[in-house]
Amino acid sequence: MKRSVLYSGMIASILLGGIQSSVAQKPVGIDFFTQVRSVSNVKTIGNDVFFTIRQASTKDDKYTTNLYQLVDGKAKQLTNSGRFGGYDVLDNAIVFRTHVQATLCGI
């Protein structure tokens, strides 16, 4: 647990470096929220750290989520679909969870 908290802090500091703050305060708009990234699902396999990042997209009007790995202090993107469903660690391997979509038919 302590390792996950430590890694979460490291990841947050890396990601927050990309958001620039200004001295003069401006009204918060949609552009601000598209820069905010949330980190979750921090897991380790040995010394390897994996996590997901969720970010708003104005282009698609939804949130995108992808899997990343911490490599040499930098976040390396491992998936690019934006629809990453999640993952688990099993026997030192990553097992992907997928979204199952159902279509409701009219009667």
PDB file of N, CA and C in Angstrom:
ATOM      1  N   MET A   1       0.816  -1.188   0.000  1.00  0.00           N
ATOM      2  CA  MET A   1       0.000   0.000   0.000  1.00  0.00           C
ATOM      3  C   MET A   1       0.862   1.255   0.000  1.00  0.00           C
ATOM      4  N   LYS A   2       1.910   1.277   0.824  1.00  0.00           N
ATOM      5  CA  LYS A   2       2.765   2.451   0.886  1.00  0.00           C
ATOM      6  C   LYS A   2       3.434   2.710  -0.456  1.00  0.00           C
ATOM      7  N   ARG A   3       3.818   1.617  -1.172  1.00  0.00           N
ATOM      8  CA  ARG A   3       4.438   1.794  -2.486  1.00  0.00           C
ATOM      9  C   ARG A   3       3.478   2.433  -3.472  1.00  0.00           C
ATOM     10  N   SER A   4       2.204   2.020  -3.434  1.00  0.00           N
ATOM     11  CA  SER A   4       1.214   2.585  -4.351  1.00  0.00           C
ATOM     12  C   SER A   4       1.032   4.077  -4.106  1.00  0.00           C
ATOM     13  N   VAL A   5       1.012   4.484  -2.831  1.00  0.00           N
ATOM     14  CA  VAL A   5       0.869   5.898  -2.505  1.00  0.00           C
ATOM     15  C   VAL A   5       2.087   6.673  -2.993  1.00  0.00           C
ATOM     16  N   LEU A   6       3.273   6.116  -2.802  1.00  0.00           N
ATOM     17  CA  LEU A   6       4.502   6.756  -3.265  1.00  0.00           C
ATOM     18  C   LEU A   6       4.486   6.905  -4.777  1.00  0.00           C
ATOM     19  N   TYR A   7       4.134   5.824  -5.486  1.00  0.00           N
ATOM     20  CA  TYR A   7       4.087   5.883  -6.952  1.00  0.00           C
ATOM     21  C   TYR A   7       3.011   6.853  -7.424  1.00  0.00           C
ATOM     22  N   SER A   8       1.864   6.904  -6.737  1.00  0.00           N
ATOM     23  CA  SER A   8       0.808   7.842  -7.125  1.00  0.00           C
ATOM     24  C   SER A   8       1.297   9.275  -7.023  1.00  0.00           C
ATOM     25  N   GLY A   9       2.053   9.576  -5.964  1.00  0.00           N
ATOM     26  CA  GLY A   9       2.608  10.925  -5.811  1.00  0.00           C
ATOM     27  C   GLY A   9       3.595  11.257  -6.905  1.00  0.00           C
ATOM     28  N   MET A  10       4.434  10.286  -7.290  1.00  0.00           N
ATOM     29  CA  MET A  10       5.402  10.503  -8.366  1.00  0.00           C
ATOM     30  C   MET A  10       4.677  10.768  -9.684  1.00  0.00           C
ATOM     31  N   ILE A  11       3.658   9.965  -9.965  1.00  0.00           N
ATOM     32  CA  ILE A  11       2.912  10.105 -11.213  1.00  0.00           C
ATOM     33  C   ILE A  11       2.197  11.451 -11.244  1.00  0.00           C
ATOM     34  N   ALA A  12       1.588  11.839 -10.125  1.00  0.00           N
ATOM     35  CA  ALA A  12       0.879  13.120 -10.067  1.00  0.00           C
ATOM     36  C   ALA A  12       1.830  14.282 -10.326  1.00  0.00           C
ATOM     37  N   SER A  13       3.033  14.228  -9.757  1.00  0.00           N
ATOM     38  CA  SER A  13       3.974  15.333  -9.977  1.00  0.00           C
ATOM     39  C   SER A  13       4.418  15.404 -11.432  1.00  0.00           C
ATOM     40  N   ILE A  14       4.542  14.263 -12.099  1.00  0.00           N
ATOM     41  CA  ILE A  14       4.906  14.241 -13.517  1.00  0.00           C
ATOM     42  C   ILE A  14       3.790  14.871 -14.351  1.00  0.00           C
ATOM     43  N   LEU A  15       2.551  14.477 -14.070  1.00  0.00           N
ATOM     44  CA  LEU A  15       1.419  14.972 -14.850  1.00  0.00           C
ATOM     45  C   LEU A  15       1.134  16.440 -14.577  1.00  0.00           C
ATOM     46  N   LEU A  16       1.264  16.866 -13.330  1.00  0.00           N
ATOM     47  CA  LEU A  16       0.978  18.263 -13.007  1.00  0.00           C
ATOM     48  C   LEU A  16       2.001  19.203 -13.608  1.00  0.00           C
ATOM     49  N   GLY A  17       3.166  18.695 -13.951  1.00  0.00           N
ATOM     50  CA  GLY A  17       4.165  19.529 -14.607  1.00  0.00           C
ATOM     51  C   GLY A  17       3.688  20.018 -15.956  1.00  0.00           C
ATOM     52  N   GLY A  18       2.728  19.314 -16.570  1.00  0.00           N
ATOM     53  CA  GLY A  18       2.213  19.703 -17.874  1.00  0.00           C
ATOM     54  C   GLY A  18       1.148  20.785 -17.818  1.00  0.00           C
ATOM     55  N   ILE A  19       0.586  21.029 -16.626  1.00  0.00           N
ATOM     56  CA  ILE A  19      -0.447  22.055 -16.490  1.00  0.00           C
ATOM     57  C   ILE A  19       0.218  23.327 -15.998  1.00  0.00           C
ATOM     58  N   GLN A  20       0.083  24.378 -16.766  1.00  0.00           N
ATOM     59  CA  GLN A  20       0.727  25.634 -16.412  1.00  0.00           C
ATOM     60  C   GLN A  20      -0.260  26.512 -15.663  1.00  0.00           C
ATOM     61  N   SER A  21       0.225  27.127 -14.601  1.00  0.00           N
ATOM     62  CA  SER A  21      -0.616  28.057 -13.857  1.00  0.00           C
ATOM     63  C   SER A  21      -0.215  29.481 -14.214  1.00  0.00           C
ATOM     64  N   SER A  22      -1.155  30.381 -14.116  1.00  0.00           N
ATOM     65  CA  SER A  22      -0.859  31.780 -14.404  1.00  0.00           C
ATOM     66  C   SER A  22      -1.029  32.592 -13.124  1.00  0.00           C
ATOM     67  N   VAL A  23      -0.330  33.723 -13.051  1.00  0.00           N
ATOM     68  CA  VAL A  23      -0.396  34.580 -11.871  1.00  0.00           C
ATOM     69  C   VAL A  23      -1.772  35.215 -11.778  1.00  0.00           C
ATOM     70  N   ALA A  24      -2.255  35.746 -12.894  1.00  0.00           N
ATOM     71  CA  ALA A  24      -3.572  36.370 -12.912  1.00  0.00           C
ATOM     72  C   ALA A  24      -4.631  35.275 -13.013  1.00  0.00           C
ATOM     73  N   GLN A  25      -5.623  35.328 -12.126  1.00  0.00           N
ATOM     74  CA  GLN A  25      -6.673  34.325 -12.156  1.00  0.00           C
ATOM     75  C   GLN A  25      -7.653  34.631 -13.272  1.00  0.00           C
ATOM     76  N   LYS A  26      -8.051  33.583 -13.973  1.00  0.00           N
ATOM     77  CA  LYS A  26      -9.003  33.718 -15.061  1.00  0.00           C
ATOM     78  C   LYS A  26     -10.206  32.841 -14.739  1.00  0.00           C
ATOM     79  N   PRO A  27     -11.346  33.125 -15.335  1.00  0.00           N
ATOM     80  CA  PRO A  27     -12.502  32.252 -15.120  1.00  0.00           C
ATOM     81  C   PRO A  27     -12.190  30.836 -15.631  1.00  0.00           C
ATOM     82  N   VAL A  28     -12.707  29.853 -14.908  1.00  0.00           N
ATOM     83  CA  VAL A  28     -12.500  28.468 -15.314  1.00  0.00           C
ATOM     84  C   VAL A  28     -13.452  28.150 -16.455  1.00  0.00           C
ATOM     85  N   GLY A  29     -12.896  27.657 -17.550  1.00  0.00           N
ATOM     86  CA  GLY A  29     -13.704  27.299 -18.706  1.00  0.00           C
ATOM     87  C   GLY A  29     -13.455  25.858 -19.107  1.00  0.00           C
ATOM     88  N   ILE A  30     -14.063  25.449 -20.186  1.00  0.00           N
ATOM     89  CA  ILE A  30     -13.949  24.068 -20.658  1.00  0.00           C
ATOM     90  C   ILE A  30     -12.509  23.718 -21.021  1.00  0.00           C
ATOM     91  N   ASP A  31     -11.743  24.695 -21.489  1.00  0.00           N
ATOM     92  CA  ASP A  31     -10.349  24.432 -21.848  1.00  0.00           C
ATOM     93  C   ASP A  31      -9.537  23.979 -20.646  1.00  0.00           C
ATOM     94  N   PHE A  32      -9.853  24.503 -19.474  1.00  0.00           N
ATOM     95  CA  PHE A  32      -9.162  24.074 -18.259  1.00  0.00           C
ATOM     96  C   PHE A  32      -9.421  22.596 -17.993  1.00  0.00           C
ATOM     97  N   PHE A  33     -10.677  22.176 -18.101  1.00  0.00           N
ATOM     98  CA  PHE A  33     -11.029  20.794 -17.779  1.00  0.00           C
ATOM     99  C   PHE A  33     -10.459  19.789 -18.779  1.00  0.00           C
ATOM    100  N   THR A  34     -10.173  20.213 -19.986  1.00  0.00           N
ATOM    101  CA  THR A  34      -9.563  19.282 -20.944  1.00  0.00           C
ATOM    102  C   THR A  34      -8.095  19.044 -20.637  1.00  0.00           C
ATOM    103  N   GLN A  35      -7.494  19.885 -19.789  1.00  0.00           N
ATOM    104  CA  GLN A  35      -6.101  19.698 -19.396  1.00  0.00           C
ATOM    105  C   GLN A  35      -5.961  18.855 -18.124  1.00  0.00           C
ATOM    106  N   VAL A  36      -7.046  18.697 -17.379  1.00  0.00           N
ATOM    107  CA  VAL A  36      -7.009  17.943 -16.127  1.00  0.00           C
ATOM    108  C   VAL A  36      -6.968  16.457 -16.434  1.00  0.00           C
ATOM    109  N   ARG A  37      -6.021  15.759 -15.808  1.00  0.00           N
ATOM    110  CA  ARG A  37      -5.889  14.307 -15.992  1.00  0.00           C
ATOM    111  C   ARG A  37      -6.000  13.644 -14.628  1.00  0.00           C
ATOM    112  N   SER A  38      -6.774  12.569 -14.568  1.00  0.00           N
ATOM    113  CA  SER A  38      -6.880  11.838 -13.301  1.00  0.00           C
ATOM    114  C   SER A  38      -6.174  10.495 -13.433  1.00  0.00           C
ATOM    115  N   VAL A  39      -5.394  10.177 -12.418  1.00  0.00           N
ATOM    116  CA  VAL A  39      -4.627   8.931 -12.383  1.00  0.00           C
ATOM    117  C   VAL A  39      -5.353   7.953 -11.471  1.00  0.00           C
ATOM    118  N   SER A  40      -5.464   6.701 -11.916  1.00  0.00           N
ATOM    119  CA  SER A  40      -6.081   5.677 -11.078  1.00  0.00           C
ATOM    120  C   SER A  40      -5.509   4.310 -11.431  1.00  0.00           C
ATOM    121  N   ASN A  41      -5.956   3.315 -10.706  1.00  0.00           N
ATOM    122  CA  ASN A  41      -5.559   1.921 -10.945  1.00  0.00           C
ATOM    123  C   ASN A  41      -4.040   1.738 -10.966  1.00  0.00           C
ATOM    124  N   VAL A  42      -3.349   2.321  -9.994  1.00  0.00           N
ATOM    125  CA  VAL A  42      -1.891   2.177  -9.916  1.00  0.00           C
ATOM    126  C   VAL A  42      -1.575   0.776  -9.411  1.00  0.00           C
ATOM    127  N   LYS A  43      -0.826   0.018 -10.207  1.00  0.00           N
ATOM    128  CA  LYS A  43      -0.448  -1.357  -9.852  1.00  0.00           C
ATOM    129  C   LYS A  43       1.001  -1.589 -10.229  1.00  0.00           C
ATOM    130  N   THR A  44       1.628  -2.524  -9.534  1.00  0.00           N
ATOM    131  CA  THR A  44       3.028  -2.832  -9.813  1.00  0.00           C
ATOM    132  C   THR A  44       3.193  -4.304 -10.159  1.00  0.00           C
ATOM    133  N   ILE A  45       4.163  -4.549 -11.022  1.00  0.00           N
ATOM    134  CA  ILE A  45       4.639  -5.904 -11.309  1.00  0.00           C
ATOM    135  C   ILE A  45       6.147  -5.820 -11.121  1.00  0.00           C
ATOM    136  N   GLY A  46       6.629  -6.361 -10.001  1.00  0.00           N
ATOM    137  CA  GLY A  46       8.043  -6.194  -9.672  1.00  0.00           C
ATOM    138  C   GLY A  46       8.332  -4.720  -9.479  1.00  0.00           C
ATOM    139  N   ASN A  47       9.271  -4.181 -10.242  1.00  0.00           N
ATOM    140  CA  ASN A  47       9.596  -2.755 -10.173  1.00  0.00           C
ATOM    141  C   ASN A  47       8.866  -1.932 -11.223  1.00  0.00           C
ATOM    142  N   ASP A  48       8.053  -2.570 -12.059  1.00  0.00           N
ATOM    143  CA  ASP A  48       7.302  -1.862 -13.093  1.00  0.00           C
ATOM    144  C   ASP A  48       6.008  -1.307 -12.514  1.00  0.00           C
ATOM    145  N   VAL A  49       5.710  -0.038 -12.835  1.00  0.00           N
ATOM    146  CA  VAL A  49       4.515   0.637 -12.341  1.00  0.00           C
ATOM    147  C   VAL A  49       3.587   0.920 -13.515  1.00  0.00           C
ATOM    148  N   PHE A  50       2.329   0.507 -13.377  1.00  0.00           N
ATOM    149  CA  PHE A  50       1.318   0.720 -14.410  1.00  0.00           C
ATOM    150  C   PHE A  50       0.168   1.519 -13.811  1.00  0.00           C
ATOM    151  N   PHE A  51      -0.522   2.328 -14.634  1.00  0.00           N
ATOM    152  CA  PHE A  51      -1.629   3.142 -14.163  1.00  0.00           C
ATOM    153  C   PHE A  51      -2.466   3.583 -15.347  1.00  0.00           C
ATOM    154  N   THR A  52      -3.674   4.054 -15.061  1.00  0.00           N
ATOM    155  CA  THR A  52      -4.534   4.583 -16.114  1.00  0.00           C
ATOM    156  C   THR A  52      -4.669   6.091 -15.927  1.00  0.00           C
ATOM    157  N   ILE A  53      -4.848   6.779 -17.043  1.00  0.00           N
ATOM    158  CA  ILE A  53      -5.083   8.221 -17.033  1.00  0.00           C
ATOM    159  C   ILE A  53      -6.392   8.486 -17.770  1.00  0.00           C
ATOM    160  N   ARG A  54      -7.253   9.269 -17.123  1.00  0.00           N
ATOM    161  CA  ARG A  54      -8.532   9.646 -17.711  1.00  0.00           C
ATOM    162  C   ARG A  54      -8.519  11.148 -17.961  1.00  0.00           C
ATOM    163  N   GLN A  55      -8.983  11.556 -19.154  1.00  0.00           N
ATOM    164  CA  GLN A  55      -8.952  12.966 -19.525  1.00  0.00           C
ATOM    165  C   GLN A  55     -10.169  13.295 -20.384  1.00  0.00           C
ATOM    166  N   ALA A  56     -10.711  14.491 -20.189  1.00  0.00           N
ATOM    167  CA  ALA A  56     -11.863  14.931 -20.981  1.00  0.00           C
ATOM    168  C   ALA A  56     -11.429  15.267 -22.402  1.00  0.00           C
ATOM    169  N   SER A  57     -12.309  14.982 -23.351  1.00  0.00           N
ATOM    170  CA  SER A  57     -12.043  15.296 -24.754  1.00  0.00           C
ATOM    171  C   SER A  57     -13.210  16.097 -25.308  1.00  0.00           C
ATOM    172  N   THR A  58     -12.928  17.339 -25.726  1.00  0.00           N
ATOM    173  CA  THR A  58     -13.990  18.144 -26.324  1.00  0.00           C
ATOM    174  C   THR A  58     -14.293  17.690 -27.744  1.00  0.00           C
ATOM    175  N   LYS A  59     -13.319  17.069 -28.388  1.00  0.00           N
ATOM    176  CA  LYS A  59     -13.507  16.586 -29.758  1.00  0.00           C
ATOM    177  C   LYS A  59     -14.618  15.536 -29.804  1.00  0.00           C
ATOM    178  N   ASP A  60     -14.565  14.583 -28.858  1.00  0.00           N
ATOM    179  CA  ASP A  60     -15.545  13.493 -28.839  1.00  0.00           C
ATOM    180  C   ASP A  60     -16.653  13.710 -27.814  1.00  0.00           C
ATOM    181  N   ASP A  61     -16.548  14.785 -27.010  1.00  0.00           N
ATOM    182  CA  ASP A  61     -17.506  15.088 -25.960  1.00  0.00           C
ATOM    183  C   ASP A  61     -17.657  13.914 -24.989  1.00  0.00           C
ATOM    184  N   LYS A  62     -16.517  13.361 -24.571  1.00  0.00           N
ATOM    185  CA  LYS A  62     -16.518  12.272 -23.590  1.00  0.00           C
ATOM    186  C   LYS A  62     -15.133  12.201 -22.951  1.00  0.00           C
ATOM    187  N   TYR A  63     -14.983  11.298 -22.023  1.00  0.00           N
ATOM    188  CA  TYR A  63     -13.690  11.074 -21.388  1.00  0.00           C
ATOM    189  C   TYR A  63     -12.953   9.952 -22.091  1.00  0.00           C
ATOM    190  N   THR A  64     -11.636  10.072 -22.162  1.00  0.00           N
ATOM    191  CA  THR A  64     -10.813   8.989 -22.700  1.00  0.00           C
ATOM    192  C   THR A  64      -9.967   8.419 -21.569  1.00  0.00           C
ATOM    193  N   THR A  65      -9.724   7.117 -21.619  1.00  0.00           N
ATOM    194  CA  THR A  65      -8.907   6.442 -20.616  1.00  0.00           C
ATOM    195  C   THR A  65      -7.922   5.534 -21.334  1.00  0.00           C
ATOM    196  N   ASN A  66      -6.651   5.609 -20.945  1.00  0.00           N
ATOM    197  CA  ASN A  66      -5.615   4.759 -21.530  1.00  0.00           C
ATOM    198  C   ASN A  66      -4.688   4.241 -20.444  1.00  0.00           C
ATOM    199  N   LEU A  67      -3.970   3.178 -20.763  1.00  0.00           N
ATOM    200  CA  LEU A  67      -3.020   2.544 -19.849  1.00  0.00           C
ATOM    201  C   LEU A  67      -1.629   3.107 -20.099  1.00  0.00           C
ATOM    202  N   TYR A  68      -0.899   3.376 -19.009  1.00  0.00           N
ATOM    203  CA  TYR A  68       0.449   3.920 -19.077  1.00  0.00           C
ATOM    204  C   TYR A  68       1.382   3.097 -18.200  1.00  0.00           C
ATOM    205  N   GLN A  69       2.679   3.226 -18.463  1.00  0.00           N
ATOM    206  CA  GLN A  69       3.715   2.622 -17.635  1.00  0.00           C
ATOM    207  C   GLN A  69       4.714   3.715 -17.276  1.00  0.00           C
ATOM    208  N   LEU A  70       5.181   3.695 -16.035  1.00  0.00           N
ATOM    209  CA  LEU A  70       6.193   4.648 -15.605  1.00  0.00           C
ATOM    210  C   LEU A  70       7.557   4.109 -16.018  1.00  0.00           C
ATOM    211  N   VAL A  71       8.222   4.810 -16.957  1.00  0.00           N
ATOM    212  CA  VAL A  71       9.522   4.388 -17.487  1.00  0.00           C
ATOM    213  C   VAL A  71      10.494   5.555 -17.350  1.00  0.00           C
ATOM    214  N   ASP A  72      11.559   5.347 -16.599  1.00  0.00           N
ATOM    215  CA  ASP A  72      12.577   6.389 -16.392  1.00  0.00           C
ATOM    216  C   ASP A  72      11.965   7.715 -15.932  1.00  0.00           C
ATOM    217  N   GLY A  73      10.970   7.636 -15.052  1.00  0.00           N
ATOM    218  CA  GLY A  73      10.358   8.847 -14.518  1.00  0.00           C
ATOM    219  C   GLY A  73       9.376   9.528 -15.445  1.00  0.00           C
ATOM    220  N   LYS A  74       9.035   8.905 -16.573  1.00  0.00           N
ATOM    221  CA  LYS A  74       8.096   9.497 -17.525  1.00  0.00           C
ATOM    222  C   LYS A  74       6.961   8.518 -17.800  1.00  0.00           C
ATOM    223  N   ALA A  75       5.782   9.064 -18.083  1.00  0.00           N
ATOM    224  CA  ALA A  75       4.622   8.244 -18.399  1.00  0.00           C
ATOM    225  C   ALA A  75       4.687   7.806 -19.863  1.00  0.00           C
ATOM    226  N   LYS A  76       4.744   6.491 -20.091  1.00  0.00           N
ATOM    227  CA  LYS A  76       4.769   5.944 -21.455  1.00  0.00           C
ATOM    228  C   LYS A  76       3.391   5.344 -21.743  1.00  0.00           C
ATOM    229  N   GLN A  77       2.722   5.863 -22.780  1.00  0.00           N
ATOM    230  CA  GLN A  77       1.383   5.409 -23.132  1.00  0.00           C
ATOM    231  C   GLN A  77       1.451   4.032 -23.779  1.00  0.00           C
ATOM    232  N   LEU A  78       0.640   3.075 -23.259  1.00  0.00           N
ATOM    233  CA  LEU A  78       0.641   1.713 -23.785  1.00  0.00           C
ATOM    234  C   LEU A  78      -0.584   1.406 -24.641  1.00  0.00           C
ATOM    235  N   THR A  79      -1.691   2.103 -24.421  1.00  0.00           N
ATOM    236  CA  THR A  79      -2.887   1.928 -25.248  1.00  0.00           C
ATOM    237  C   THR A  79      -3.283   3.281 -25.823  1.00  0.00           C
ATOM    238  N   ASN A  80      -4.035   3.259 -26.922  1.00  0.00           N
ATOM    239  CA  ASN A  80      -4.431   4.533 -27.532  1.00  0.00           C
ATOM    240  C   ASN A  80      -5.878   4.566 -27.997  1.00  0.00           C
ATOM    241  N   SER A  81      -6.687   3.604 -27.588  1.00  0.00           N
ATOM    242  CA  SER A  81      -8.075   3.581 -28.033  1.00  0.00           C
ATOM    243  C   SER A  81      -8.917   4.643 -27.341  1.00  0.00           C
ATOM    244  N   GLY A  82      -8.503   5.050 -26.124  1.00  0.00           N
ATOM    245  CA  GLY A  82      -9.306   6.000 -25.367  1.00  0.00           C
ATOM    246  C   GLY A  82     -10.469   5.345 -24.660  1.00  0.00           C
ATOM    247  N   ARG A  83     -10.693   4.068 -24.915  1.00  0.00           N
ATOM    248  CA  ARG A  83     -11.812   3.326 -24.331  1.00  0.00           C
ATOM    249  C   ARG A  83     -11.301   2.179 -23.473  1.00  0.00           C
ATOM    250  N   PHE A  84     -10.177   2.377 -22.827  1.00  0.00           N
ATOM    251  CA  PHE A  84      -9.569   1.314 -22.043  1.00  0.00           C
ATOM    252  C   PHE A  84     -10.466   0.960 -20.861  1.00  0.00           C
ATOM    253  N   GLY A  85     -10.812  -0.317 -20.742  1.00  0.00           N
ATOM    254  CA  GLY A  85     -11.771  -0.756 -19.736  1.00  0.00           C
ATOM    255  C   GLY A  85     -11.183  -1.067 -18.383  1.00  0.00           C
ATOM    256  N   GLY A  86      -9.922  -1.313 -18.299  1.00  0.00           N
ATOM    257  CA  GLY A  86      -9.301  -1.637 -17.024  1.00  0.00           C
ATOM    258  C   GLY A  86      -8.395  -2.848 -17.152  1.00  0.00           C
ATOM    259  N   TYR A  87      -7.733  -3.169 -16.049  1.00  0.00           N
ATOM    260  CA  TYR A  87      -6.811  -4.292 -16.070  1.00  0.00           C
ATOM    261  C   TYR A  87      -6.590  -4.822 -14.664  1.00  0.00           C
ATOM    262  N   ASP A  88      -6.081  -6.026 -14.591  1.00  0.00           N
ATOM    263  CA  ASP A  88      -5.695  -6.654 -13.341  1.00  0.00           C
ATOM    264  C   ASP A  88      -4.314  -7.247 -13.522  1.00  0.00           C
ATOM    265  N   VAL A  89      -3.636  -7.489 -12.409  1.00  0.00           N
ATOM    266  CA  VAL A  89      -2.336  -8.151 -12.448  1.00  0.00           C
ATOM    267  C   VAL A  89      -2.553  -9.575 -11.945  1.00  0.00           C
ATOM    268  N   LEU A  90      -2.169 -10.561 -12.742  1.00  0.00           N
ATOM    269  CA  LEU A  90      -2.345 -11.967 -12.397  1.00  0.00           C
ATOM    270  C   LEU A  90      -1.075 -12.722 -12.767  1.00  0.00           C
ATOM    271  N   ASP A  91      -0.436 -13.332 -11.803  1.00  0.00           N
ATOM    272  CA  ASP A  91       0.800 -14.090 -12.038  1.00  0.00           C
ATOM    273  C   ASP A  91       1.845 -13.260 -12.780  1.00  0.00           C
ATOM    274  N   ASN A  92       2.057 -12.026 -12.316  1.00  0.00           N
ATOM    275  CA  ASN A  92       3.046 -11.114 -12.904  1.00  0.00           C
ATOM    276  C   ASN A  92       2.781 -10.793 -14.369  1.00  0.00           C
ATOM    277  N   ALA A  93       1.522 -10.786 -14.751  1.00  0.00           N
ATOM    278  CA  ALA A  93       1.139 -10.416 -16.115  1.00  0.00           C
ATOM    279  C   ALA A  93      -0.076  -9.492 -16.043  1.00  0.00           C
ATOM    280  N   ILE A  94      -0.255  -8.687 -17.057  1.00  0.00           N
ATOM    281  CA  ILE A  94      -1.407  -7.788 -17.129  1.00  0.00           C
ATOM    282  C   ILE A  94      -2.532  -8.498 -17.874  1.00  0.00           C
ATOM    283  N   VAL A  95      -3.707  -8.526 -17.261  1.00  0.00           N
ATOM    284  CA  VAL A  95      -4.892  -9.108 -17.873  1.00  0.00           C
ATOM    285  C   VAL A  95      -5.860  -7.962 -18.143  1.00  0.00           C
ATOM    286  N   PHE A  96      -6.212  -7.756 -19.400  1.00  0.00           N
ATOM    287  CA  PHE A  96      -7.092  -6.655 -19.787  1.00  0.00           C
ATOM    288  C   PHE A  96      -8.547  -7.017 -19.566  1.00  0.00           C
ATOM    289  N   ARG A  97      -9.319  -6.032 -19.107  1.00  0.00           N
ATOM    290  CA  ARG A  97     -10.778  -6.153 -19.044  1.00  0.00           C
ATOM    291  C   ARG A  97     -11.325  -5.324 -20.189  1.00  0.00           C
ATOM    292  N   THR A  98     -12.336  -5.810 -20.858  1.00  0.00           N
ATOM    293  CA  THR A  98     -12.905  -5.068 -21.988  1.00  0.00           C
ATOM    294  C   THR A  98     -14.329  -4.650 -21.677  1.00  0.00           C
ATOM    295  N   HIS A  99     -14.794  -3.639 -22.393  1.00  0.00           N
ATOM    296  CA  HIS A  99     -16.187  -3.212 -22.276  1.00  0.00           C
ATOM    297  C   HIS A  99     -17.041  -4.112 -23.152  1.00  0.00           C
ATOM    298  N   VAL A 100     -18.143  -4.567 -22.617  1.00  0.00           N
ATOM    299  CA  VAL A 100     -19.095  -5.329 -23.404  1.00  0.00           C
ATOM    300  C   VAL A 100     -20.256  -4.401 -23.690  1.00  0.00           C
ATOM    301  N   GLN A 101     -20.554  -4.220 -24.965  1.00  0.00           N
ATOM    302  CA  GLN A 101     -21.623  -3.313 -25.346  1.00  0.00           C
ATOM    303  C   GLN A 101     -22.834  -4.115 -25.796  1.00  0.00           C
ATOM    304  N   ALA A 102     -24.005  -3.689 -25.386  1.00  0.00           N
ATOM    305  CA  ALA A 102     -25.237  -4.353 -25.803  1.00  0.00           C
ATOM    306  C   ALA A 102     -26.112  -3.323 -26.502  1.00  0.00           C
ATOM    307  N   THR A 103     -26.846  -3.762 -27.474  1.00  0.00           N
ATOM    308  CA  THR A 103     -27.755  -2.886 -28.194  1.00  0.00           C
ATOM    309  C   THR A 103     -29.186  -3.306 -27.863  1.00  0.00           C
ATOM    310  N   LEU A 104     -29.994  -2.359 -27.432  1.00  0.00           N
ATOM    311  CA  LEU A 104     -31.389  -2.665 -27.124  1.00  0.00           C
ATOM    312  C   LEU A 104     -32.207  -2.496 -28.406  1.00  0.00           C
ATOM    313  N   CYS A 105     -32.988  -3.498 -28.702  1.00  0.00           N
ATOM    314  CA  CYS A 105     -33.821  -3.452 -29.908  1.00  0.00           C
ATOM    315  C   CYS A 105     -35.236  -3.072 -29.527  1.00  0.00           C
ATOM    316  N   GLY A 106     -35.860  -2.265 -30.376  1.00  0.00           N
ATOM    317  CA  GLY A 106     -37.250  -1.875 -30.141  1.00  0.00           C
ATOM    318  C   GLY A 106     -38.174  -3.067 -30.339  1.00  0.00           C
ATOM    319  N   ILE A 107     -39.299  -3.041 -29.623  1.00  0.00           N
ATOM    320  CA  ILE A 107     -40.255  -4.157 -29.731  1.00  0.00           C
ATOM    321  C   ILE A 107     -41.340  -3.774 -30.716  1.00  0.00           C
TER     322      ILE A 107
END
